[in-house]
């Protein structure tokens, strides 16, 4: 089984018993490309009791389906595949993601997704609401986008502290405005 939690996919599976189980390769497919190994979870060898497993993936930001499957591997090299789980990441709403890493020094990535194309502005403010700098003012297509912010690329002397980054997306018909906090540690 699996579920989407925030921007992560959490996969859960269990075995009733295990014989000679080395482990599980976790494979992912996006946009009908080939399968990619994204992780490994060790098995419990031989066991007569149920065993429970979990794997958390932060998938690439795509618009469409992401598929997962498990490749169970025995100690002797034999393999078997699980059923395929499909998650749909269709972009029908606006969302500003938490910057990563956070806290950061000197750079961080700000990501968002938008169902519309339009002009995107990203501004940085201090906690008192004072404007610090603008890191983006450009036309962007619909879908998932990101920008790198590095304090050295700004002409402002930015000190350690908590800041607000704000995104505004507008195409003349629809607009979106959202803010999040980020922490700079020097």
N, C-alpha and C. Protein backbone atom coordinates (compact mmCIF):
# COMPACT_ATOMS: atom_id res chain seq x y z
N UNK A 1 0.85 -1.18 0.00
CA UNK A 1 0.00 0.00 0.00
C UNK A 1 0.89 1.23 0.00
N UNK A 2 0.29 2.36 -0.24
CA UNK A 2 1.03 3.60 -0.21
C UNK A 2 0.11 4.78 -0.10
N UNK A 3 0.67 5.91 0.31
CA UNK A 3 -0.12 7.13 0.39
C UNK A 3 0.80 8.33 0.20
N UNK A 4 0.19 9.42 -0.24
CA UNK A 4 0.91 10.68 -0.40
C UNK A 4 0.77 11.47 0.88
N UNK A 5 1.91 11.87 1.45
CA UNK A 5 1.93 12.70 2.65
C UNK A 5 2.77 13.92 2.31
N UNK A 6 2.10 15.06 2.15
CA UNK A 6 2.80 16.26 1.71
C UNK A 6 3.31 16.05 0.30
N UNK A 7 4.62 16.21 0.09
CA UNK A 7 5.20 15.95 -1.23
C UNK A 7 5.93 14.61 -1.26
N UNK A 8 5.75 13.78 -0.21
CA UNK A 8 6.38 12.46 -0.13
C UNK A 8 5.39 11.36 -0.45
N UNK A 9 5.91 10.23 -0.90
CA UNK A 9 5.12 9.02 -1.06
C UNK A 9 5.65 8.02 -0.04
N UNK A 10 4.76 7.49 0.81
CA UNK A 10 5.15 6.51 1.81
C UNK A 10 4.59 5.15 1.39
N UNK A 11 5.50 4.19 1.17
CA UNK A 11 5.12 2.84 0.78
C UNK A 11 5.19 1.94 2.01
N UNK A 12 4.18 1.09 2.18
CA UNK A 12 4.14 0.14 3.29
C UNK A 12 3.84 -1.23 2.72
N UNK A 13 4.52 -2.25 3.20
CA UNK A 13 4.22 -3.61 2.81
C UNK A 13 4.59 -4.55 3.94
N UNK A 14 4.06 -5.78 3.86
CA UNK A 14 4.38 -6.76 4.88
C UNK A 14 4.47 -8.15 4.26
N UNK A 15 5.13 -9.03 4.96
CA UNK A 15 5.22 -10.43 4.56
C UNK A 15 4.62 -11.27 5.67
N UNK A 16 3.94 -12.36 5.32
CA UNK A 16 3.39 -13.28 6.34
C UNK A 16 4.51 -14.15 6.89
N UNK A 17 5.33 -14.67 6.00
CA UNK A 17 6.53 -15.43 6.36
C UNK A 17 7.61 -15.08 5.34
N UNK A 18 8.85 -15.42 5.65
CA UNK A 18 9.94 -15.18 4.72
C UNK A 18 10.87 -16.38 4.71
N UNK A 19 11.32 -16.73 3.51
CA UNK A 19 12.31 -17.79 3.35
C UNK A 19 13.44 -17.25 2.51
N UNK A 20 14.63 -17.17 3.13
CA UNK A 20 15.83 -16.77 2.39
C UNK A 20 15.70 -15.37 1.78
N UNK A 21 15.02 -14.43 2.45
CA UNK A 21 14.76 -13.10 1.90
C UNK A 21 15.93 -12.16 2.19
N UNK A 22 16.65 -11.76 1.12
CA UNK A 22 17.74 -10.79 1.27
C UNK A 22 17.20 -9.39 1.44
N UNK A 23 16.18 -9.02 0.64
CA UNK A 23 15.62 -7.68 0.77
C UNK A 23 14.80 -7.27 -0.43
N UNK A 24 14.50 -5.95 -0.48
CA UNK A 24 13.61 -5.40 -1.49
C UNK A 24 14.26 -4.18 -2.14
N UNK A 25 14.38 -4.20 -3.47
CA UNK A 25 14.72 -3.00 -4.20
C UNK A 25 13.42 -2.24 -4.46
N UNK A 26 13.41 -0.93 -4.19
CA UNK A 26 12.25 -0.10 -4.46
C UNK A 26 12.50 0.57 -5.80
N UNK A 27 11.57 0.40 -6.74
CA UNK A 27 11.74 0.95 -8.08
C UNK A 27 10.63 1.95 -8.38
N UNK A 28 11.00 2.99 -9.15
CA UNK A 28 10.05 4.05 -9.48
C UNK A 28 10.09 4.31 -10.99
N UNK A 29 8.92 4.64 -11.54
CA UNK A 29 8.81 5.01 -12.95
C UNK A 29 8.01 6.30 -13.05
N UNK A 30 8.54 7.28 -13.80
CA UNK A 30 7.82 8.53 -14.03
C UNK A 30 7.66 8.76 -15.52
N UNK A 31 6.52 9.29 -15.90
CA UNK A 31 6.24 9.64 -17.30
C UNK A 31 6.53 8.50 -18.27
N UNK A 32 6.21 7.27 -17.85
CA UNK A 32 6.38 6.07 -18.68
C UNK A 32 7.80 5.87 -19.20
N UNK A 33 8.79 6.34 -18.41
CA UNK A 33 10.18 6.05 -18.72
C UNK A 33 10.51 4.70 -18.11
N UNK A 34 11.75 4.28 -18.18
CA UNK A 34 12.14 2.99 -17.59
C UNK A 34 12.08 3.01 -16.07
N UNK A 35 12.15 1.82 -15.48
CA UNK A 35 12.15 1.69 -14.03
C UNK A 35 13.52 2.05 -13.48
N UNK A 36 13.55 2.81 -12.37
CA UNK A 36 14.79 3.21 -11.71
C UNK A 36 14.80 2.70 -10.28
N UNK A 37 15.93 2.12 -9.87
CA UNK A 37 16.09 1.68 -8.48
C UNK A 37 16.34 2.91 -7.63
N UNK A 38 15.47 3.16 -6.63
CA UNK A 38 15.61 4.36 -5.81
C UNK A 38 15.95 4.07 -4.36
N UNK A 39 16.03 2.79 -4.00
CA UNK A 39 16.36 2.46 -2.62
C UNK A 39 16.33 0.96 -2.37
N UNK A 40 16.80 0.58 -1.20
CA UNK A 40 16.84 -0.82 -0.82
C UNK A 40 16.45 -0.94 0.65
N UNK A 41 15.63 -1.96 0.95
CA UNK A 41 15.23 -2.27 2.32
C UNK A 41 15.60 -3.72 2.59
N UNK A 42 16.41 -3.96 3.62
CA UNK A 42 16.84 -5.32 3.93
C UNK A 42 15.67 -6.16 4.42
N UNK A 43 15.67 -7.44 4.03
CA UNK A 43 14.67 -8.40 4.50
C UNK A 43 15.11 -9.02 5.81
N UNK A 44 14.33 -10.00 6.27
CA UNK A 44 14.61 -10.65 7.54
C UNK A 44 15.07 -12.09 7.38
N UNK A 45 15.62 -12.44 6.21
CA UNK A 45 16.12 -13.80 6.01
C UNK A 45 15.00 -14.81 6.01
N UNK A 46 14.97 -15.65 7.02
CA UNK A 46 13.92 -16.65 7.17
C UNK A 46 13.17 -16.36 8.46
N UNK A 47 11.84 -16.25 8.35
CA UNK A 47 11.02 -15.89 9.50
C UNK A 47 9.64 -16.53 9.35
N UNK A 48 9.08 -16.97 10.48
CA UNK A 48 7.73 -17.55 10.47
C UNK A 48 6.68 -16.57 10.98
N UNK A 49 7.08 -15.35 11.25
CA UNK A 49 6.13 -14.35 11.75
C UNK A 49 6.03 -13.19 10.77
N UNK A 50 4.93 -12.46 10.81
CA UNK A 50 4.76 -11.32 9.89
C UNK A 50 5.84 -10.26 10.14
N UNK A 51 6.31 -9.65 9.04
CA UNK A 51 7.29 -8.56 9.11
C UNK A 51 6.71 -7.37 8.36
N UNK A 52 6.96 -6.16 8.88
CA UNK A 52 6.39 -4.94 8.32
C UNK A 52 7.52 -4.03 7.85
N UNK A 53 7.31 -3.43 6.67
CA UNK A 53 8.34 -2.61 6.04
C UNK A 53 7.72 -1.28 5.60
N UNK A 54 8.59 -0.26 5.53
CA UNK A 54 8.16 1.04 5.03
C UNK A 54 9.32 1.70 4.28
N UNK A 55 8.98 2.52 3.32
CA UNK A 55 9.97 3.27 2.54
C UNK A 55 9.34 4.61 2.18
N UNK A 56 10.06 5.70 2.41
CA UNK A 56 9.56 7.04 2.08
C UNK A 56 10.38 7.61 0.93
N UNK A 57 9.66 8.08 -0.09
CA UNK A 57 10.29 8.66 -1.27
C UNK A 57 9.84 10.10 -1.43
N UNK A 58 10.78 10.95 -1.78
CA UNK A 58 10.47 12.33 -2.17
C UNK A 58 10.63 12.36 -3.68
N UNK A 59 9.54 12.04 -4.41
CA UNK A 59 9.67 11.86 -5.86
C UNK A 59 9.96 13.17 -6.58
N UNK A 60 10.45 13.04 -7.81
CA UNK A 60 10.65 14.25 -8.60
C UNK A 60 9.31 14.92 -8.84
N UNK A 61 9.33 16.21 -8.97
CA UNK A 61 8.09 16.94 -9.14
C UNK A 61 7.68 16.87 -10.60
N UNK A 62 6.70 16.02 -10.87
CA UNK A 62 6.20 15.83 -12.23
C UNK A 62 4.70 16.06 -12.24
N UNK A 63 4.17 16.32 -13.40
CA UNK A 63 2.73 16.45 -13.57
C UNK A 63 2.25 15.17 -14.24
N UNK A 64 1.65 14.28 -13.47
CA UNK A 64 1.18 13.02 -14.02
C UNK A 64 1.38 11.88 -13.05
N UNK A 65 1.48 10.67 -13.60
CA UNK A 65 1.57 9.47 -12.79
C UNK A 65 3.00 9.14 -12.39
N UNK A 66 3.15 8.66 -11.16
CA UNK A 66 4.40 8.08 -10.68
C UNK A 66 4.05 6.67 -10.23
N UNK A 67 4.82 5.68 -10.70
CA UNK A 67 4.55 4.28 -10.39
C UNK A 67 5.68 3.71 -9.54
N UNK A 68 5.30 2.77 -8.65
CA UNK A 68 6.26 2.10 -7.78
C UNK A 68 6.04 0.59 -7.85
N UNK A 69 7.13 -0.14 -7.68
CA UNK A 69 7.05 -1.59 -7.51
C UNK A 69 8.23 -2.04 -6.67
N UNK A 70 8.10 -3.23 -6.08
CA UNK A 70 9.16 -3.82 -5.28
C UNK A 70 9.76 -4.99 -6.03
N UNK A 71 11.06 -5.11 -5.97
CA UNK A 71 11.76 -6.27 -6.50
C UNK A 71 12.32 -7.02 -5.30
N UNK A 72 11.67 -8.12 -4.95
CA UNK A 72 12.10 -8.92 -3.80
C UNK A 72 13.24 -9.82 -4.26
N UNK A 73 14.34 -9.82 -3.49
CA UNK A 73 15.54 -10.57 -3.86
C UNK A 73 15.86 -11.58 -2.77
N UNK A 74 16.02 -12.86 -3.17
CA UNK A 74 16.43 -13.90 -2.23
C UNK A 74 17.94 -13.92 -2.10
N UNK A 75 18.44 -14.56 -1.04
CA UNK A 75 19.89 -14.69 -0.84
C UNK A 75 20.56 -15.43 -1.99
N UNK A 76 19.82 -16.29 -2.69
CA UNK A 76 20.39 -17.04 -3.82
C UNK A 76 20.25 -16.30 -5.15
N UNK A 77 19.73 -15.06 -5.13
CA UNK A 77 19.64 -14.26 -6.33
C UNK A 77 18.31 -14.32 -7.06
N UNK A 78 17.40 -15.19 -6.66
CA UNK A 78 16.09 -15.25 -7.30
C UNK A 78 15.32 -13.97 -6.97
N UNK A 79 14.49 -13.53 -7.92
CA UNK A 79 13.73 -12.30 -7.72
C UNK A 79 12.26 -12.49 -8.06
N UNK A 80 11.45 -11.62 -7.51
CA UNK A 80 10.01 -11.57 -7.82
C UNK A 80 9.57 -10.12 -7.67
N UNK A 81 8.61 -9.70 -8.50
CA UNK A 81 8.12 -8.33 -8.47
C UNK A 81 6.75 -8.25 -7.83
N UNK A 82 6.51 -7.15 -7.14
CA UNK A 82 5.19 -6.89 -6.54
C UNK A 82 4.27 -6.30 -7.60
N UNK A 83 3.01 -6.11 -7.22
CA UNK A 83 2.09 -5.35 -8.06
C UNK A 83 2.56 -3.91 -8.12
N UNK A 84 2.12 -3.19 -9.14
CA UNK A 84 2.50 -1.80 -9.33
C UNK A 84 1.49 -0.88 -8.64
N UNK A 85 2.00 0.09 -7.88
CA UNK A 85 1.17 1.14 -7.28
C UNK A 85 1.35 2.41 -8.11
N UNK A 86 0.24 3.09 -8.41
CA UNK A 86 0.29 4.32 -9.20
C UNK A 86 -0.27 5.48 -8.39
N UNK A 87 0.46 6.59 -8.39
CA UNK A 87 0.03 7.81 -7.72
C UNK A 87 -0.05 8.91 -8.76
N UNK A 88 -1.14 9.68 -8.73
CA UNK A 88 -1.32 10.74 -9.70
C UNK A 88 -0.97 12.08 -9.07
N UNK A 89 -0.07 12.80 -9.70
CA UNK A 89 0.36 14.10 -9.22
C UNK A 89 -0.07 15.18 -10.20
N UNK A 90 -1.32 15.12 -10.65
CA UNK A 90 -1.81 16.16 -11.55
C UNK A 90 -1.87 17.49 -10.83
N UNK A 91 -1.43 18.52 -11.50
CA UNK A 91 -1.38 19.84 -10.90
C UNK A 91 -2.69 20.56 -11.19
N UNK A 92 -3.51 20.70 -10.15
CA UNK A 92 -4.79 21.39 -10.30
C UNK A 92 -4.91 22.55 -9.33
N UNK A 93 -3.87 22.75 -8.52
CA UNK A 93 -3.92 23.83 -7.54
C UNK A 93 -2.54 24.46 -7.42
N UNK A 94 -2.50 25.62 -6.77
CA UNK A 94 -1.25 26.30 -6.49
C UNK A 94 -0.67 25.73 -5.20
N UNK A 95 0.65 25.62 -5.14
CA UNK A 95 1.29 25.26 -3.88
C UNK A 95 2.71 25.77 -3.87
N UNK A 96 3.07 26.40 -2.76
CA UNK A 96 4.44 26.82 -2.51
C UNK A 96 5.02 25.83 -1.51
N UNK A 97 6.14 25.21 -1.88
CA UNK A 97 6.77 24.22 -1.00
C UNK A 97 7.73 24.91 -0.04
N UNK A 98 7.99 24.22 1.08
CA UNK A 98 8.98 24.71 2.03
C UNK A 98 10.34 24.67 1.37
N UNK A 99 11.12 25.75 1.54
CA UNK A 99 12.46 25.78 0.96
C UNK A 99 13.30 24.65 1.54
N UNK A 100 14.29 24.21 0.76
CA UNK A 100 15.17 23.14 1.21
C UNK A 100 16.59 23.43 0.77
N UNK A 101 17.59 23.32 1.61
CA UNK A 101 17.45 23.02 3.04
C UNK A 101 16.95 24.23 3.82
N UNK A 102 16.44 23.96 4.99
CA UNK A 102 15.96 25.01 5.88
C UNK A 102 16.18 24.53 7.31
N UNK A 103 17.02 25.16 8.08
CA UNK A 103 17.81 26.36 7.86
C UNK A 103 18.83 26.15 6.74
N UNK A 104 19.33 27.27 6.20
CA UNK A 104 20.27 27.21 5.10
C UNK A 104 21.41 28.18 5.29
N UNK A 105 22.50 27.93 4.58
CA UNK A 105 23.66 28.82 4.50
C UNK A 105 24.59 28.27 3.44
N UNK A 106 24.89 28.91 2.39
CA UNK A 106 24.38 30.21 1.97
C UNK A 106 23.22 30.11 1.00
N UNK A 107 22.90 28.87 0.51
CA UNK A 107 21.87 28.75 -0.52
C UNK A 107 20.76 27.80 -0.15
N UNK A 108 19.62 27.99 -0.83
CA UNK A 108 18.45 27.14 -0.63
C UNK A 108 17.65 27.09 -1.92
N UNK A 109 16.78 26.11 -2.04
CA UNK A 109 15.93 25.96 -3.23
C UNK A 109 14.48 26.24 -2.84
N UNK A 110 13.82 27.06 -3.62
CA UNK A 110 12.40 27.36 -3.43
C UNK A 110 11.65 26.76 -4.61
N UNK A 111 10.66 25.90 -4.32
CA UNK A 111 9.90 25.20 -5.35
C UNK A 111 8.42 25.51 -5.21
N UNK A 112 7.70 25.43 -6.33
CA UNK A 112 6.25 25.64 -6.32
C UNK A 112 5.64 24.92 -7.52
N UNK A 113 4.34 24.70 -7.43
CA UNK A 113 3.65 24.23 -8.63
C UNK A 113 2.42 25.09 -8.85
N UNK A 114 2.10 25.23 -10.14
CA UNK A 114 1.01 26.11 -10.54
C UNK A 114 0.28 25.51 -11.73
N UNK A 115 -1.05 25.54 -11.72
CA UNK A 115 -1.80 25.04 -12.87
C UNK A 115 -1.88 26.07 -14.02
N UNK A 116 -1.36 27.28 -13.79
CA UNK A 116 -1.40 28.31 -14.83
C UNK A 116 0.00 28.80 -15.14
N UNK A 117 0.16 29.31 -16.35
CA UNK A 117 1.38 30.03 -16.68
C UNK A 117 1.15 31.49 -16.38
N UNK A 118 2.21 32.19 -16.10
CA UNK A 118 2.06 33.60 -15.80
C UNK A 118 3.32 34.20 -15.23
N UNK A 119 3.23 35.46 -14.82
CA UNK A 119 4.36 36.14 -14.23
C UNK A 119 4.52 35.70 -12.77
N UNK A 120 5.72 35.33 -12.40
CA UNK A 120 6.02 34.85 -11.05
C UNK A 120 6.99 35.82 -10.40
N UNK A 121 6.61 36.30 -9.22
CA UNK A 121 7.49 37.15 -8.42
C UNK A 121 7.73 36.45 -7.09
N UNK A 122 8.99 36.40 -6.68
CA UNK A 122 9.33 35.88 -5.36
C UNK A 122 10.14 36.95 -4.65
N UNK A 123 9.64 37.34 -3.49
CA UNK A 123 10.27 38.40 -2.70
C UNK A 123 10.61 37.87 -1.31
N UNK A 124 11.64 38.47 -0.72
CA UNK A 124 12.08 38.14 0.63
C UNK A 124 11.80 39.34 1.53
N UNK A 125 11.21 39.06 2.72
CA UNK A 125 10.92 40.09 3.71
C UNK A 125 11.48 39.65 5.06
N UNK A 126 11.79 40.63 5.93
CA UNK A 126 12.14 40.27 7.30
C UNK A 126 10.85 40.06 8.09
N UNK A 127 10.97 39.68 9.35
CA UNK A 127 9.77 39.39 10.16
C UNK A 127 8.93 40.62 10.46
N UNK A 128 9.48 41.81 10.28
CA UNK A 128 8.71 43.04 10.48
C UNK A 128 7.98 43.46 9.21
N UNK A 129 8.19 42.70 8.14
CA UNK A 129 7.53 43.02 6.88
C UNK A 129 8.33 43.94 5.98
N UNK A 130 9.55 44.24 6.36
CA UNK A 130 10.40 45.09 5.53
C UNK A 130 10.91 44.31 4.33
N UNK A 131 10.80 44.89 3.15
CA UNK A 131 11.27 44.27 1.92
C UNK A 131 12.79 44.15 1.96
N UNK A 132 13.31 42.95 1.66
CA UNK A 132 14.75 42.72 1.63
C UNK A 132 15.25 42.66 0.19
N UNK A 133 14.66 41.79 -0.61
CA UNK A 133 15.09 41.68 -2.01
C UNK A 133 14.05 40.89 -2.82
N UNK A 134 14.16 41.01 -4.13
CA UNK A 134 13.33 40.22 -5.03
C UNK A 134 14.25 39.24 -5.75
N UNK A 135 13.91 37.96 -5.68
CA UNK A 135 14.80 36.97 -6.30
C UNK A 135 14.28 36.45 -7.63
N UNK A 136 13.03 36.79 -7.97
CA UNK A 136 12.49 36.37 -9.26
C UNK A 136 11.37 37.31 -9.68
N UNK A 137 11.38 37.69 -10.94
CA UNK A 137 10.30 38.43 -11.58
C UNK A 137 10.36 38.04 -13.05
N UNK A 138 9.68 36.93 -13.39
CA UNK A 138 9.82 36.37 -14.72
C UNK A 138 8.57 35.56 -15.08
N UNK A 139 8.37 35.36 -16.36
CA UNK A 139 7.26 34.56 -16.86
C UNK A 139 7.66 33.09 -16.74
N UNK A 140 6.78 32.27 -16.14
CA UNK A 140 7.05 30.84 -15.97
C UNK A 140 5.85 30.04 -16.48
N UNK A 141 6.14 28.86 -17.02
CA UNK A 141 5.09 27.99 -17.52
C UNK A 141 4.37 27.30 -16.36
N UNK A 142 3.20 26.76 -16.65
CA UNK A 142 2.46 25.97 -15.66
C UNK A 142 3.28 24.73 -15.33
N UNK A 143 3.03 24.17 -14.17
CA UNK A 143 3.75 22.97 -13.75
C UNK A 143 4.60 23.25 -12.53
N UNK A 144 5.60 22.43 -12.38
CA UNK A 144 6.47 22.53 -11.22
C UNK A 144 7.73 23.29 -11.60
N UNK A 145 8.07 24.27 -10.80
CA UNK A 145 9.23 25.12 -11.04
C UNK A 145 10.02 25.28 -9.75
N UNK A 146 11.26 25.69 -9.88
CA UNK A 146 12.08 25.97 -8.71
C UNK A 146 13.13 27.00 -9.05
N UNK A 147 13.65 27.64 -8.01
CA UNK A 147 14.73 28.61 -8.17
C UNK A 147 15.69 28.45 -7.00
N UNK A 148 16.96 28.65 -7.29
CA UNK A 148 17.99 28.62 -6.26
C UNK A 148 18.17 30.04 -5.74
N UNK A 149 18.21 30.17 -4.42
CA UNK A 149 18.48 31.48 -3.80
C UNK A 149 19.75 31.35 -2.98
N UNK A 150 20.71 32.23 -3.29
CA UNK A 150 21.98 32.25 -2.57
C UNK A 150 22.18 33.67 -2.05
N UNK A 151 22.47 33.77 -0.75
CA UNK A 151 22.60 35.11 -0.15
C UNK A 151 23.72 35.92 -0.79
N UNK A 152 24.70 35.25 -1.40
CA UNK A 152 25.79 35.97 -2.04
C UNK A 152 25.39 36.55 -3.38
N UNK A 153 24.27 36.07 -3.96
CA UNK A 153 23.82 36.61 -5.24
C UNK A 153 22.97 37.86 -5.05
N UNK A 154 22.62 38.15 -3.81
CA UNK A 154 21.85 39.35 -3.51
C UNK A 154 22.80 40.50 -3.25
N UNK A 155 22.39 41.72 -3.63
CA UNK A 155 23.23 42.88 -3.35
C UNK A 155 23.01 43.40 -1.93
N UNK A 156 22.13 42.76 -1.19
CA UNK A 156 21.87 43.15 0.20
C UNK A 156 22.77 42.37 1.14
N UNK A 157 23.10 42.95 2.26
CA UNK A 157 23.84 42.25 3.31
C UNK A 157 22.82 41.57 4.21
N UNK A 158 22.60 40.31 3.99
CA UNK A 158 21.57 39.57 4.73
C UNK A 158 22.22 38.85 5.89
N UNK A 159 21.73 39.13 7.10
CA UNK A 159 22.30 38.52 8.30
C UNK A 159 21.48 37.30 8.72
N UNK A 160 22.00 36.56 9.68
CA UNK A 160 21.28 35.40 10.22
C UNK A 160 19.92 35.81 10.75
N UNK A 161 18.96 34.93 10.60
CA UNK A 161 17.63 35.22 11.14
C UNK A 161 16.54 34.50 10.38
N UNK A 162 15.31 34.80 10.76
CA UNK A 162 14.13 34.22 10.13
C UNK A 162 13.57 35.23 9.13
N UNK A 163 13.27 34.74 7.94
CA UNK A 163 12.76 35.58 6.87
C UNK A 163 11.48 34.97 6.30
N UNK A 164 10.75 35.78 5.58
CA UNK A 164 9.54 35.34 4.89
C UNK A 164 9.81 35.41 3.39
N UNK A 165 9.53 34.31 2.68
CA UNK A 165 9.58 34.40 1.23
C UNK A 165 8.15 34.30 0.71
N UNK A 166 7.84 35.14 -0.25
CA UNK A 166 6.47 35.28 -0.75
C UNK A 166 6.47 35.08 -2.26
N UNK A 167 5.53 34.28 -2.74
CA UNK A 167 5.38 34.07 -4.17
C UNK A 167 4.06 34.68 -4.62
N UNK A 168 4.11 35.32 -5.77
CA UNK A 168 2.90 35.86 -6.40
C UNK A 168 2.92 35.41 -7.86
N UNK A 169 1.86 34.70 -8.26
CA UNK A 169 1.73 34.23 -9.64
C UNK A 169 0.46 34.85 -10.20
N UNK A 170 0.57 35.47 -11.38
CA UNK A 170 -0.58 36.13 -11.97
C UNK A 170 -0.52 36.03 -13.49
N UNK A 171 -1.69 35.80 -14.09
CA UNK A 171 -1.77 35.79 -15.55
C UNK A 171 -2.81 36.78 -16.07
N UNK A 172 -3.25 37.71 -15.22
CA UNK A 172 -4.25 38.69 -15.62
C UNK A 172 -5.67 38.26 -15.33
N UNK A 173 -5.89 36.95 -15.21
CA UNK A 173 -7.23 36.42 -14.89
C UNK A 173 -7.24 35.80 -13.50
N UNK A 174 -6.23 35.03 -13.23
CA UNK A 174 -6.10 34.33 -11.95
C UNK A 174 -4.81 34.77 -11.29
N UNK A 175 -4.84 34.86 -9.97
CA UNK A 175 -3.61 35.16 -9.24
C UNK A 175 -3.53 34.32 -7.97
N UNK A 176 -2.32 34.18 -7.48
CA UNK A 176 -2.04 33.36 -6.31
C UNK A 176 -0.96 34.06 -5.51
N UNK A 177 -1.15 34.09 -4.19
CA UNK A 177 -0.18 34.71 -3.29
C UNK A 177 -0.04 33.82 -2.07
N UNK A 178 1.20 33.43 -1.74
CA UNK A 178 1.44 32.61 -0.55
C UNK A 178 2.82 32.92 0.00
N UNK A 179 2.97 32.75 1.32
CA UNK A 179 4.24 33.02 1.99
C UNK A 179 4.63 31.86 2.89
N UNK A 180 5.93 31.72 3.13
CA UNK A 180 6.46 30.73 4.07
C UNK A 180 7.68 31.32 4.76
N UNK A 181 8.02 30.74 5.91
CA UNK A 181 9.20 31.18 6.66
C UNK A 181 10.42 30.38 6.24
N UNK A 182 11.59 31.02 6.33
CA UNK A 182 12.85 30.33 6.15
C UNK A 182 13.86 30.92 7.11
N UNK A 183 14.85 30.11 7.45
CA UNK A 183 15.84 30.51 8.45
C UNK A 183 17.24 30.48 7.84
N UNK A 184 17.95 31.60 7.98
CA UNK A 184 19.33 31.70 7.52
C UNK A 184 20.24 31.61 8.75
N UNK A 185 21.17 30.65 8.73
CA UNK A 185 22.15 30.52 9.81
C UNK A 185 23.53 30.76 9.23
N UNK A 186 24.24 31.73 9.78
CA UNK A 186 25.61 32.01 9.32
C UNK A 186 26.59 31.47 10.32
